[in-house]
Amino acid sequence: MLEKQIEKKLVDGVKKLGGMCLKFVSPGSLGVPDRIIITASGKIIFAELKTDTGRLSKLQQQMISEMQKSKADVRVLQGLQAVKELLSEIRIIPR
């Protein structure tokens, strides 16, 4: 499955759960995660999507590490199964 197909499943799933799944573009800051998820309860999750065999670049690894040091919830979703697991987690977050 292509990364853009995995991303569509995430976007559609988050919307069905009453949340938002915004494309994250940050001019001048390379390596940022693909999406910002805002759940129906207001929880914010940054998501980097990869295919089952995809790998993070060094720049992505560095950016994710920096974000996590600041206590940001950053997830690397490797394949469709990881997206399904995150959607299940979001489903049980209290509103």
PDB file of N, CA and C in Angstrom:
ATOM      1  N   MET A   1       0.846  -1.187   0.000  1.00  0.00           N
ATOM      2  CA  MET A   1       0.000   0.000   0.000  1.00  0.00           C
ATOM      3  C   MET A   1       0.886   1.244   0.000  1.00  0.00           C
ATOM      4  N   LEU A   2       0.530   2.216  -0.805  1.00  0.00           N
ATOM      5  CA  LEU A   2       1.295   3.460  -0.909  1.00  0.00           C
ATOM      6  C   LEU A   2       1.067   4.347   0.316  1.00  0.00           C
ATOM      7  N   GLU A   3       2.052   5.208   0.585  1.00  0.00           N
ATOM      8  CA  GLU A   3       1.949   6.110   1.739  1.00  0.00           C
ATOM      9  C   GLU A   3       0.724   7.015   1.641  1.00  0.00           C
ATOM     10  N   LYS A   4       0.422   7.490   0.445  1.00  0.00           N
ATOM     11  CA  LYS A   4      -0.734   8.383   0.307  1.00  0.00           C
ATOM     12  C   LYS A   4      -2.045   7.640   0.589  1.00  0.00           C
ATOM     13  N   GLN A   5      -2.100   6.346   0.338  1.00  0.00           N
ATOM     14  CA  GLN A   5      -3.293   5.563   0.653  1.00  0.00           C
ATOM     15  C   GLN A   5      -3.417   5.369   2.167  1.00  0.00           C
ATOM     16  N   ILE A   6      -2.290   5.128   2.819  1.00  0.00           N
ATOM     17  CA  ILE A   6      -2.271   4.988   4.272  1.00  0.00           C
ATOM     18  C   ILE A   6      -2.704   6.307   4.913  1.00  0.00           C
ATOM     19  N   GLU A   7      -2.200   7.413   4.370  1.00  0.00           N
ATOM     20  CA  GLU A   7      -2.541   8.737   4.888  1.00  0.00           C
ATOM     21  C   GLU A   7      -4.040   9.012   4.744  1.00  0.00           C
ATOM     22  N   LYS A   8      -4.621   8.616   3.633  1.00  0.00           N
ATOM     23  CA  LYS A   8      -6.060   8.817   3.418  1.00  0.00           C
ATOM     24  C   LYS A   8      -6.870   8.035   4.452  1.00  0.00           C
ATOM     25  N   LYS A   9      -6.452   6.822   4.759  1.00  0.00           N
ATOM     26  CA  LYS A   9      -7.149   6.017   5.780  1.00  0.00           C
ATOM     27  C   LYS A   9      -7.105   6.727   7.136  1.00  0.00           C
ATOM     28  N   LEU A  10      -5.953   7.316   7.458  1.00  0.00           N
ATOM     29  CA  LEU A  10      -5.825   8.051   8.717  1.00  0.00           C
ATOM     30  C   LEU A  10      -6.754   9.260   8.726  1.00  0.00           C
ATOM     31  N   VAL A  11      -6.688  10.066   7.690  1.00  0.00           N
ATOM     32  CA  VAL A  11      -7.508  11.282   7.604  1.00  0.00           C
ATOM     33  C   VAL A  11      -8.994  10.938   7.712  1.00  0.00           C
ATOM     34  N   ASP A  12      -9.441   9.968   6.927  1.00  0.00           N
ATOM     35  CA  ASP A  12     -10.852   9.579   6.944  1.00  0.00           C
ATOM     36  C   ASP A  12     -11.263   9.036   8.317  1.00  0.00           C
ATOM     37  N   GLY A  13     -10.400   8.214   8.906  1.00  0.00           N
ATOM     38  CA  GLY A  13     -10.707   7.623  10.207  1.00  0.00           C
ATOM     39  C   GLY A  13     -10.804   8.651  11.305  1.00  0.00           C
ATOM     40  N   VAL A  14      -9.894   9.603  11.330  1.00  0.00           N
ATOM     41  CA  VAL A  14      -9.922  10.648  12.357  1.00  0.00           C
ATOM     42  C   VAL A  14     -11.188  11.497  12.203  1.00  0.00           C
ATOM     43  N   LYS A  15     -11.523  11.840  10.964  1.00  0.00           N
ATOM     44  CA  LYS A  15     -12.738  12.631  10.724  1.00  0.00           C
ATOM     45  C   LYS A  15     -13.981  11.897  11.201  1.00  0.00           C
ATOM     46  N   LYS A  16     -14.056  10.575  10.952  1.00  0.00           N
ATOM     47  CA  LYS A  16     -15.212   9.780  11.395  1.00  0.00           C
ATOM     48  C   LYS A  16     -15.341   9.777  12.912  1.00  0.00           C
ATOM     49  N   LEU A  17     -14.211   9.955  13.592  1.00  0.00           N
ATOM     50  CA  LEU A  17     -14.222   9.978  15.058  1.00  0.00           C
ATOM     51  C   LEU A  17     -14.421  11.390  15.611  1.00  0.00           C
ATOM     52  N   GLY A  18     -14.728  12.339  14.727  1.00  0.00           N
ATOM     53  CA  GLY A  18     -15.042  13.697  15.170  1.00  0.00           C
ATOM     54  C   GLY A  18     -13.835  14.604  15.341  1.00  0.00           C
ATOM     55  N   GLY A  19     -12.680  14.155  14.871  1.00  0.00           N
ATOM     56  CA  GLY A  19     -11.467  14.953  15.002  1.00  0.00           C
ATOM     57  C   GLY A  19     -11.048  15.606  13.699  1.00  0.00           C
ATOM     58  N   MET A  20      -9.879  16.214  13.748  1.00  0.00           N
ATOM     59  CA  MET A  20      -9.295  16.858  12.574  1.00  0.00           C
ATOM     60  C   MET A  20      -7.927  16.222  12.323  1.00  0.00           C
ATOM     61  N   CYS A  21      -7.570  16.109  11.053  1.00  0.00           N
ATOM     62  CA  CYS A  21      -6.278  15.539  10.686  1.00  0.00           C
ATOM     63  C   CYS A  21      -5.673  16.469   9.625  1.00  0.00           C
ATOM     64  N   LEU A  22      -4.892  17.426  10.087  1.00  0.00           N
ATOM     65  CA  LEU A  22      -4.388  18.498   9.244  1.00  0.00           C
ATOM     66  C   LEU A  22      -3.024  18.166   8.659  1.00  0.00           C
ATOM     67  N   LYS A  23      -2.817  18.551   7.417  1.00  0.00           N
ATOM     68  CA  LYS A  23      -1.498  18.400   6.794  1.00  0.00           C
ATOM     69  C   LYS A  23      -0.559  19.378   7.484  1.00  0.00           C
ATOM     70  N   PHE A  24       0.607  18.893   7.903  1.00  0.00           N
ATOM     71  CA  PHE A  24       1.568  19.726   8.622  1.00  0.00           C
ATOM     72  C   PHE A  24       2.653  20.164   7.647  1.00  0.00           C
ATOM     73  N   VAL A  25       2.660  21.454   7.347  1.00  0.00           N
ATOM     74  CA  VAL A  25       3.699  22.047   6.510  1.00  0.00           C
ATOM     75  C   VAL A  25       4.281  23.205   7.310  1.00  0.00           C
ATOM     76  N   SER A  26       5.587  23.208   7.468  1.00  0.00           N
ATOM     77  CA  SER A  26       6.232  24.245   8.262  1.00  0.00           C
ATOM     78  C   SER A  26       7.408  24.809   7.474  1.00  0.00           C
ATOM     79  N   PRO A  27       7.168  25.849   6.683  1.00  0.00           N
ATOM     80  CA  PRO A  27       8.244  26.421   5.882  1.00  0.00           C
ATOM     81  C   PRO A  27       9.466  26.768   6.748  1.00  0.00           C
ATOM     82  N   GLY A  28      10.612  26.346   6.298  1.00  0.00           N
ATOM     83  CA  GLY A  28      11.842  26.626   7.022  1.00  0.00           C
ATOM     84  C   GLY A  28      12.181  25.574   8.071  1.00  0.00           C
ATOM     85  N   SER A  29      11.276  24.633   8.304  1.00  0.00           N
ATOM     86  CA  SER A  29      11.524  23.548   9.262  1.00  0.00           C
ATOM     87  C   SER A  29      11.337  22.220   8.545  1.00  0.00           C
ATOM     88  N   LEU A  30      12.422  21.648   8.114  1.00  0.00           N
ATOM     89  CA  LEU A  30      12.350  20.388   7.384  1.00  0.00           C
ATOM     90  C   LEU A  30      12.251  19.218   8.348  1.00  0.00           C
ATOM     91  N   GLY A  31      11.613  18.132   7.881  1.00  0.00           N
ATOM     92  CA  GLY A  31      11.537  16.911   8.672  1.00  0.00           C
ATOM     93  C   GLY A  31      10.361  16.836   9.622  1.00  0.00           C
ATOM     94  N   VAL A  32       9.419  17.784   9.520  1.00  0.00           N
ATOM     95  CA  VAL A  32       8.262  17.748  10.420  1.00  0.00           C
ATOM     96  C   VAL A  32       7.348  16.576  10.038  1.00  0.00           C
ATOM     97  N   PRO A  33       6.574  16.048  11.002  1.00  0.00           N
ATOM     98  CA  PRO A  33       5.650  14.957  10.698  1.00  0.00           C
ATOM     99  C   PRO A  33       4.618  15.361   9.645  1.00  0.00           C
ATOM    100  N   ASP A  34       4.025  14.353   9.011  1.00  0.00           N
ATOM    101  CA  ASP A  34       3.066  14.578   7.928  1.00  0.00           C
ATOM    102  C   ASP A  34       1.765  15.239   8.383  1.00  0.00           C
ATOM    103  N   ARG A  35       1.273  14.843   9.550  1.00  0.00           N
ATOM    104  CA  ARG A  35      -0.065  15.267   9.978  1.00  0.00           C
ATOM    105  C   ARG A  35      -0.101  15.712  11.433  1.00  0.00           C
ATOM    106  N   ILE A  36      -1.013  16.638  11.722  1.00  0.00           N
ATOM    107  CA  ILE A  36      -1.356  17.015  13.088  1.00  0.00           C
ATOM    108  C   ILE A  36      -2.792  16.526  13.303  1.00  0.00           C
ATOM    109  N   ILE A  37      -2.952  15.688  14.304  1.00  0.00           N
ATOM    110  CA  ILE A  37      -4.278  15.167  14.625  1.00  0.00           C
ATOM    111  C   ILE A  37      -4.778  15.905  15.864  1.00  0.00           C
ATOM    112  N   ILE A  38      -6.008  16.404  15.772  1.00  0.00           N
ATOM    113  CA  ILE A  38      -6.675  16.992  16.928  1.00  0.00           C
ATOM    114  C   ILE A  38      -7.914  16.147  17.165  1.00  0.00           C
ATOM    115  N   THR A  39      -7.918  15.403  18.262  1.00  0.00           N
ATOM    116  CA  THR A  39      -9.043  14.514  18.534  1.00  0.00           C
ATOM    117  C   THR A  39     -10.259  15.315  18.984  1.00  0.00           C
ATOM    118  N   ALA A  40     -11.393  14.651  19.029  1.00  0.00           N
ATOM    119  CA  ALA A  40     -12.636  15.299  19.457  1.00  0.00           C
ATOM    120  C   ALA A  40     -12.518  15.855  20.872  1.00  0.00           C
ATOM    121  N   SER A  41     -11.631  15.255  21.685  1.00  0.00           N
ATOM    122  CA  SER A  41     -11.444  15.733  23.058  1.00  0.00           C
ATOM    123  C   SER A  41     -10.357  16.804  23.173  1.00  0.00           C
ATOM    124  N   GLY A  42      -9.685  17.100  22.043  1.00  0.00           N
ATOM    125  CA  GLY A  42      -8.676  18.153  22.053  1.00  0.00           C
ATOM    126  C   GLY A  42      -7.241  17.662  22.196  1.00  0.00           C
ATOM    127  N   LYS A  43      -7.034  16.366  22.288  1.00  0.00           N
ATOM    128  CA  LYS A  43      -5.675  15.821  22.359  1.00  0.00           C
ATOM    129  C   LYS A  43      -4.987  16.049  21.015  1.00  0.00           C
ATOM    130  N   ILE A  44      -3.714  16.438  21.056  1.00  0.00           N
ATOM    131  CA  ILE A  44      -2.950  16.702  19.829  1.00  0.00           C
ATOM    132  C   ILE A  44      -1.882  15.627  19.659  1.00  0.00           C
ATOM    133  N   ILE A  45      -1.868  15.040  18.472  1.00  0.00           N
ATOM    134  CA  ILE A  45      -0.913  13.991  18.122  1.00  0.00           C
ATOM    135  C   ILE A  45      -0.296  14.348  16.771  1.00  0.00           C
ATOM    136  N   PHE A  46       1.012  14.313  16.694  1.00  0.00           N
ATOM    137  CA  PHE A  46       1.713  14.493  15.422  1.00  0.00           C
ATOM    138  C   PHE A  46       1.980  13.107  14.850  1.00  0.00           C
ATOM    139  N   ALA A  47       1.723  12.923  13.559  1.00  0.00           N
ATOM    140  CA  ALA A  47       1.882  11.607  12.949  1.00  0.00           C
ATOM    141  C   ALA A  47       2.750  11.672  11.699  1.00  0.00           C
ATOM    142  N   GLU A  48       3.775  10.845  11.674  1.00  0.00           N
ATOM    143  CA  GLU A  48       4.600  10.639  10.478  1.00  0.00           C
ATOM    144  C   GLU A  48       4.199   9.285   9.908  1.00  0.00           C
ATOM    145  N   LEU A  49       3.795   9.278   8.662  1.00  0.00           N
ATOM    146  CA  LEU A  49       3.325   8.050   8.035  1.00  0.00           C
ATOM    147  C   LEU A  49       4.389   7.439   7.135  1.00  0.00           C
ATOM    148  N   LYS A  50       4.472   6.125   7.207  1.00  0.00           N
ATOM    149  CA  LYS A  50       5.411   5.363   6.378  1.00  0.00           C
ATOM    150  C   LYS A  50       4.715   4.104   5.884  1.00  0.00           C
ATOM    151  N   THR A  51       5.175   3.587   4.766  1.00  0.00           N
ATOM    152  CA  THR A  51       4.709   2.287   4.307  1.00  0.00           C
ATOM    153  C   THR A  51       5.295   1.228   5.238  1.00  0.00           C
ATOM    154  N   ASP A  52       4.893  -0.015   5.047  1.00  0.00           N
ATOM    155  CA  ASP A  52       5.427  -1.106   5.873  1.00  0.00           C
ATOM    156  C   ASP A  52       6.947  -1.193   5.807  1.00  0.00           C
ATOM    157  N   THR A  53       7.508  -0.790   4.683  1.00  0.00           N
ATOM    158  CA  THR A  53       8.960  -0.882   4.514  1.00  0.00           C
ATOM    159  C   THR A  53       9.652   0.477   4.524  1.00  0.00           C
ATOM    160  N   GLY A  54       8.886   1.554   4.694  1.00  0.00           N
ATOM    161  CA  GLY A  54       9.449   2.905   4.685  1.00  0.00           C
ATOM    162  C   GLY A  54      10.322   3.165   5.901  1.00  0.00           C
ATOM    163  N   ARG A  55      11.247   4.114   5.761  1.00  0.00           N
ATOM    164  CA  ARG A  55      12.162   4.448   6.852  1.00  0.00           C
ATOM    165  C   ARG A  55      12.230   5.961   7.033  1.00  0.00           C
ATOM    166  N   LEU A  56      12.462   6.366   8.268  1.00  0.00           N
ATOM    167  CA  LEU A  56      12.638   7.790   8.559  1.00  0.00           C
ATOM    168  C   LEU A  56      13.982   8.264   8.032  1.00  0.00           C
ATOM    169  N   SER A  57      14.008   9.487   7.515  1.00  0.00           N
ATOM    170  CA  SER A  57      15.274  10.096   7.139  1.00  0.00           C
ATOM    171  C   SER A  57      15.969  10.579   8.419  1.00  0.00           C
ATOM    172  N   LYS A  58      17.240  10.878   8.325  1.00  0.00           N
ATOM    173  CA  LYS A  58      17.975  11.414   9.481  1.00  0.00           C
ATOM    174  C   LYS A  58      17.319  12.707   9.975  1.00  0.00           C
ATOM    175  N   LEU A  59      16.918  13.538   9.029  1.00  0.00           N
ATOM    176  CA  LEU A  59      16.269  14.807   9.375  1.00  0.00           C
ATOM    177  C   LEU A  59      14.964  14.573  10.129  1.00  0.00           C
ATOM    178  N   GLN A  60      14.169  13.612   9.676  1.00  0.00           N
ATOM    179  CA  GLN A  60      12.926  13.285  10.366  1.00  0.00           C
ATOM    180  C   GLN A  60      13.207  12.745  11.769  1.00  0.00           C
ATOM    181  N   GLN A  61      14.196  11.892  11.895  1.00  0.00           N
ATOM    182  CA  GLN A  61      14.566  11.350  13.201  1.00  0.00           C
ATOM    183  C   GLN A  61      14.937  12.480  14.164  1.00  0.00           C
ATOM    184  N   GLN A  62      15.730  13.428  13.672  1.00  0.00           N
ATOM    185  CA  GLN A  62      16.160  14.548  14.508  1.00  0.00           C
ATOM    186  C   GLN A  62      14.976  15.413  14.929  1.00  0.00           C
ATOM    187  N   MET A  63      14.094  15.726  13.988  1.00  0.00           N
ATOM    188  CA  MET A  63      12.936  16.571  14.290  1.00  0.00           C
ATOM    189  C   MET A  63      12.019  15.883  15.291  1.00  0.00           C
ATOM    190  N   ILE A  64      11.742  14.606  15.085  1.00  0.00           N
ATOM    191  CA  ILE A  64      10.869  13.867  15.997  1.00  0.00           C
ATOM    192  C   ILE A  64      11.481  13.830  17.386  1.00  0.00           C
ATOM    193  N   SER A  65      12.775  13.605  17.463  1.00  0.00           N
ATOM    194  CA  SER A  65      13.472  13.580  18.749  1.00  0.00           C
ATOM    195  C   SER A  65      13.343  14.920  19.468  1.00  0.00           C
ATOM    196  N   GLU A  66      13.536  16.015  18.745  1.00  0.00           N
ATOM    197  CA  GLU A  66      13.415  17.353  19.335  1.00  0.00           C
ATOM    198  C   GLU A  66      11.989  17.614  19.824  1.00  0.00           C
ATOM    199  N   MET A  67      11.019  17.206  19.038  1.00  0.00           N
ATOM    200  CA  MET A  67       9.622  17.408  19.431  1.00  0.00           C
ATOM    201  C   MET A  67       9.292  16.595  20.680  1.00  0.00           C
ATOM    202  N   GLN A  68       9.782  15.367  20.739  1.00  0.00           N
ATOM    203  CA  GLN A  68       9.512  14.514  21.896  1.00  0.00           C
ATOM    204  C   GLN A  68      10.199  15.035  23.157  1.00  0.00           C
ATOM    205  N   LYS A  69      11.356  15.662  22.993  1.00  0.00           N
ATOM    206  CA  LYS A  69      12.027  16.278  24.148  1.00  0.00           C
ATOM    207  C   LYS A  69      11.156  17.374  24.753  1.00  0.00           C
ATOM    208  N   SER A  70      10.338  17.992  23.923  1.00  0.00           N
ATOM    209  CA  SER A  70       9.417  19.036  24.386  1.00  0.00           C
ATOM    210  C   SER A  70       8.075  18.455  24.826  1.00  0.00           C
ATOM    211  N   LYS A  71       8.050  17.141  24.976  1.00  0.00           N
ATOM    212  CA  LYS A  71       6.861  16.412  25.454  1.00  0.00           C
ATOM    213  C   LYS A  71       5.718  16.341  24.442  1.00  0.00           C
ATOM    214  N   ALA A  72       6.000  16.582  23.161  1.00  0.00           N
ATOM    215  CA  ALA A  72       4.978  16.433  22.124  1.00  0.00           C
ATOM    216  C   ALA A  72       4.703  14.950  21.902  1.00  0.00           C
ATOM    217  N   ASP A  73       3.456  14.624  21.623  1.00  0.00           N
ATOM    218  CA  ASP A  73       3.063  13.253  21.305  1.00  0.00           C
ATOM    219  C   ASP A  73       3.272  13.061  19.803  1.00  0.00           C
ATOM    220  N   VAL A  74       4.373  12.425  19.438  1.00  0.00           N
ATOM    221  CA  VAL A  74       4.720  12.205  18.036  1.00  0.00           C
ATOM    222  C   VAL A  74       4.726  10.708  17.782  1.00  0.00           C
ATOM    223  N   ARG A  75       4.012  10.287  16.753  1.00  0.00           N
ATOM    224  CA  ARG A  75       3.924   8.866  16.413  1.00  0.00           C
ATOM    225  C   ARG A  75       4.455   8.632  15.005  1.00  0.00           C
ATOM    226  N   VAL A  76       5.173   7.553  14.831  1.00  0.00           N
ATOM    227  CA  VAL A  76       5.562   7.091  13.508  1.00  0.00           C
ATOM    228  C   VAL A  76       4.651   5.907  13.217  1.00  0.00           C
ATOM    229  N   LEU A  77       3.797   6.063  12.220  1.00  0.00           N
ATOM    230  CA  LEU A  77       2.829   5.032  11.868  1.00  0.00           C
ATOM    231  C   LEU A  77       3.341   4.266  10.666  1.00  0.00           C
ATOM    232  N   GLN A  78       3.802   3.061  10.921  1.00  0.00           N
ATOM    233  CA  GLN A  78       4.418   2.217   9.900  1.00  0.00           C
ATOM    234  C   GLN A  78       3.362   1.263   9.354  1.00  0.00           C
ATOM    235  N   GLY A  79       2.747   1.628   8.236  1.00  0.00           N
ATOM    236  CA  GLY A  79       1.762   0.771   7.595  1.00  0.00           C
ATOM    237  C   GLY A  79       0.351   0.960   8.107  1.00  0.00           C
ATOM    238  N   LEU A  80      -0.572   0.282   7.429  1.00  0.00           N
ATOM    239  CA  LEU A  80      -1.999   0.410   7.711  1.00  0.00           C
ATOM    240  C   LEU A  80      -2.358  -0.104   9.107  1.00  0.00           C
ATOM    241  N   GLN A  81      -1.709  -1.157   9.571  1.00  0.00           N
ATOM    242  CA  GLN A  81      -2.016  -1.702  10.892  1.00  0.00           C
ATOM    243  C   GLN A  81      -1.758  -0.662  11.989  1.00  0.00           C
ATOM    244  N   ALA A  82      -0.688   0.097  11.868  1.00  0.00           N
ATOM    245  CA  ALA A  82      -0.377   1.131  12.853  1.00  0.00           C
ATOM    246  C   ALA A  82      -1.446   2.227  12.850  1.00  0.00           C
ATOM    247  N   VAL A  83      -1.968   2.556  11.680  1.00  0.00           N
ATOM    248  CA  VAL A  83      -3.047   3.547  11.580  1.00  0.00           C
ATOM    249  C   VAL A  83      -4.291   3.018  12.290  1.00  0.00           C
ATOM    250  N   LYS A  84      -4.627   1.751  12.040  1.00  0.00           N
ATOM    251  CA  LYS A  84      -5.797   1.149  12.693  1.00  0.00           C
ATOM    252  C   LYS A  84      -5.644   1.164  14.214  1.00  0.00           C
ATOM    253  N   GLU A  85      -4.445   0.870  14.706  1.00  0.00           N
ATOM    254  CA  GLU A  85      -4.193   0.871  16.145  1.00  0.00           C
ATOM    255  C   GLU A  85      -4.354   2.270  16.744  1.00  0.00           C
ATOM    256  N   LEU A  86      -3.846   3.281  16.041  1.00  0.00           N
ATOM    257  CA  LEU A  86      -4.005   4.655  16.534  1.00  0.00           C
ATOM    258  C   LEU A  86      -5.474   5.057  16.534  1.00  0.00           C
ATOM    259  N   LEU A  87      -6.210   4.704  15.493  1.00  0.00           N
ATOM    260  CA  LEU A  87      -7.632   5.037  15.445  1.00  0.00           C
ATOM    261  C   LEU A  87      -8.395   4.362  16.589  1.00  0.00           C
ATOM    262  N   SER A  88      -8.021   3.143  16.923  1.00  0.00           N
ATOM    263  CA  SER A  88      -8.644   2.461  18.062  1.00  0.00           C
ATOM    264  C   SER A  88      -8.338   3.194  19.362  1.00  0.00           C
ATOM    265  N   GLU A  89      -7.100   3.663  19.491  1.00  0.00           N
ATOM    266  CA  GLU A  89      -6.707   4.438  20.684  1.00  0.00           C
ATOM    267  C   GLU A  89      -7.508   5.734  20.765  1.00  0.00           C
ATOM    268  N   ILE A  90      -7.634   6.428  19.647  1.00  0.00           N
ATOM    269  CA  ILE A  90      -8.365   7.694  19.617  1.00  0.00           C
ATOM    270  C   ILE A  90      -9.839   7.454  19.964  1.00  0.00           C
ATOM    271  N   ARG A  91     -10.375   6.348  19.515  1.00  0.00           N
ATOM    272  CA  ARG A  91     -11.779   6.016  19.754  1.00  0.00           C
ATOM    273  C   ARG A  91     -12.096   5.953  21.251  1.00  0.00           C
ATOM    274  N   ILE A  92     -11.117   5.546  22.071  1.00  0.00           N
ATOM    275  CA  ILE A  92     -11.387   5.382  23.506  1.00  0.00           C
ATOM    276  C   ILE A  92     -10.957   6.584  24.349  1.00  0.00           C
ATOM    277  N   ILE A  93     -10.413   7.627  23.716  1.00  0.00           N
ATOM    278  CA  ILE A  93     -10.064   8.843  24.455  1.00  0.00           C
ATOM    279  C   ILE A  93     -11.370   9.530  24.854  1.00  0.00           C
ATOM    280  N   PRO A  94     -11.557   9.807  26.143  1.00  0.00           N
ATOM    281  CA  PRO A  94     -12.810  10.439  26.586  1.00  0.00           C
ATOM    282  C   PRO A  94     -13.008  11.805  25.926  1.00  0.00           C
ATOM    283  N   ARG A  95     -14.236  12.090  25.585  1.00  0.00           N
ATOM    284  CA  ARG A  95     -14.583  13.400  24.992  1.00  0.00           C
ATOM    285  C   ARG A  95     -14.890  14.404  26.059  1.00  0.00           C
TER     286      ARG A  95
END
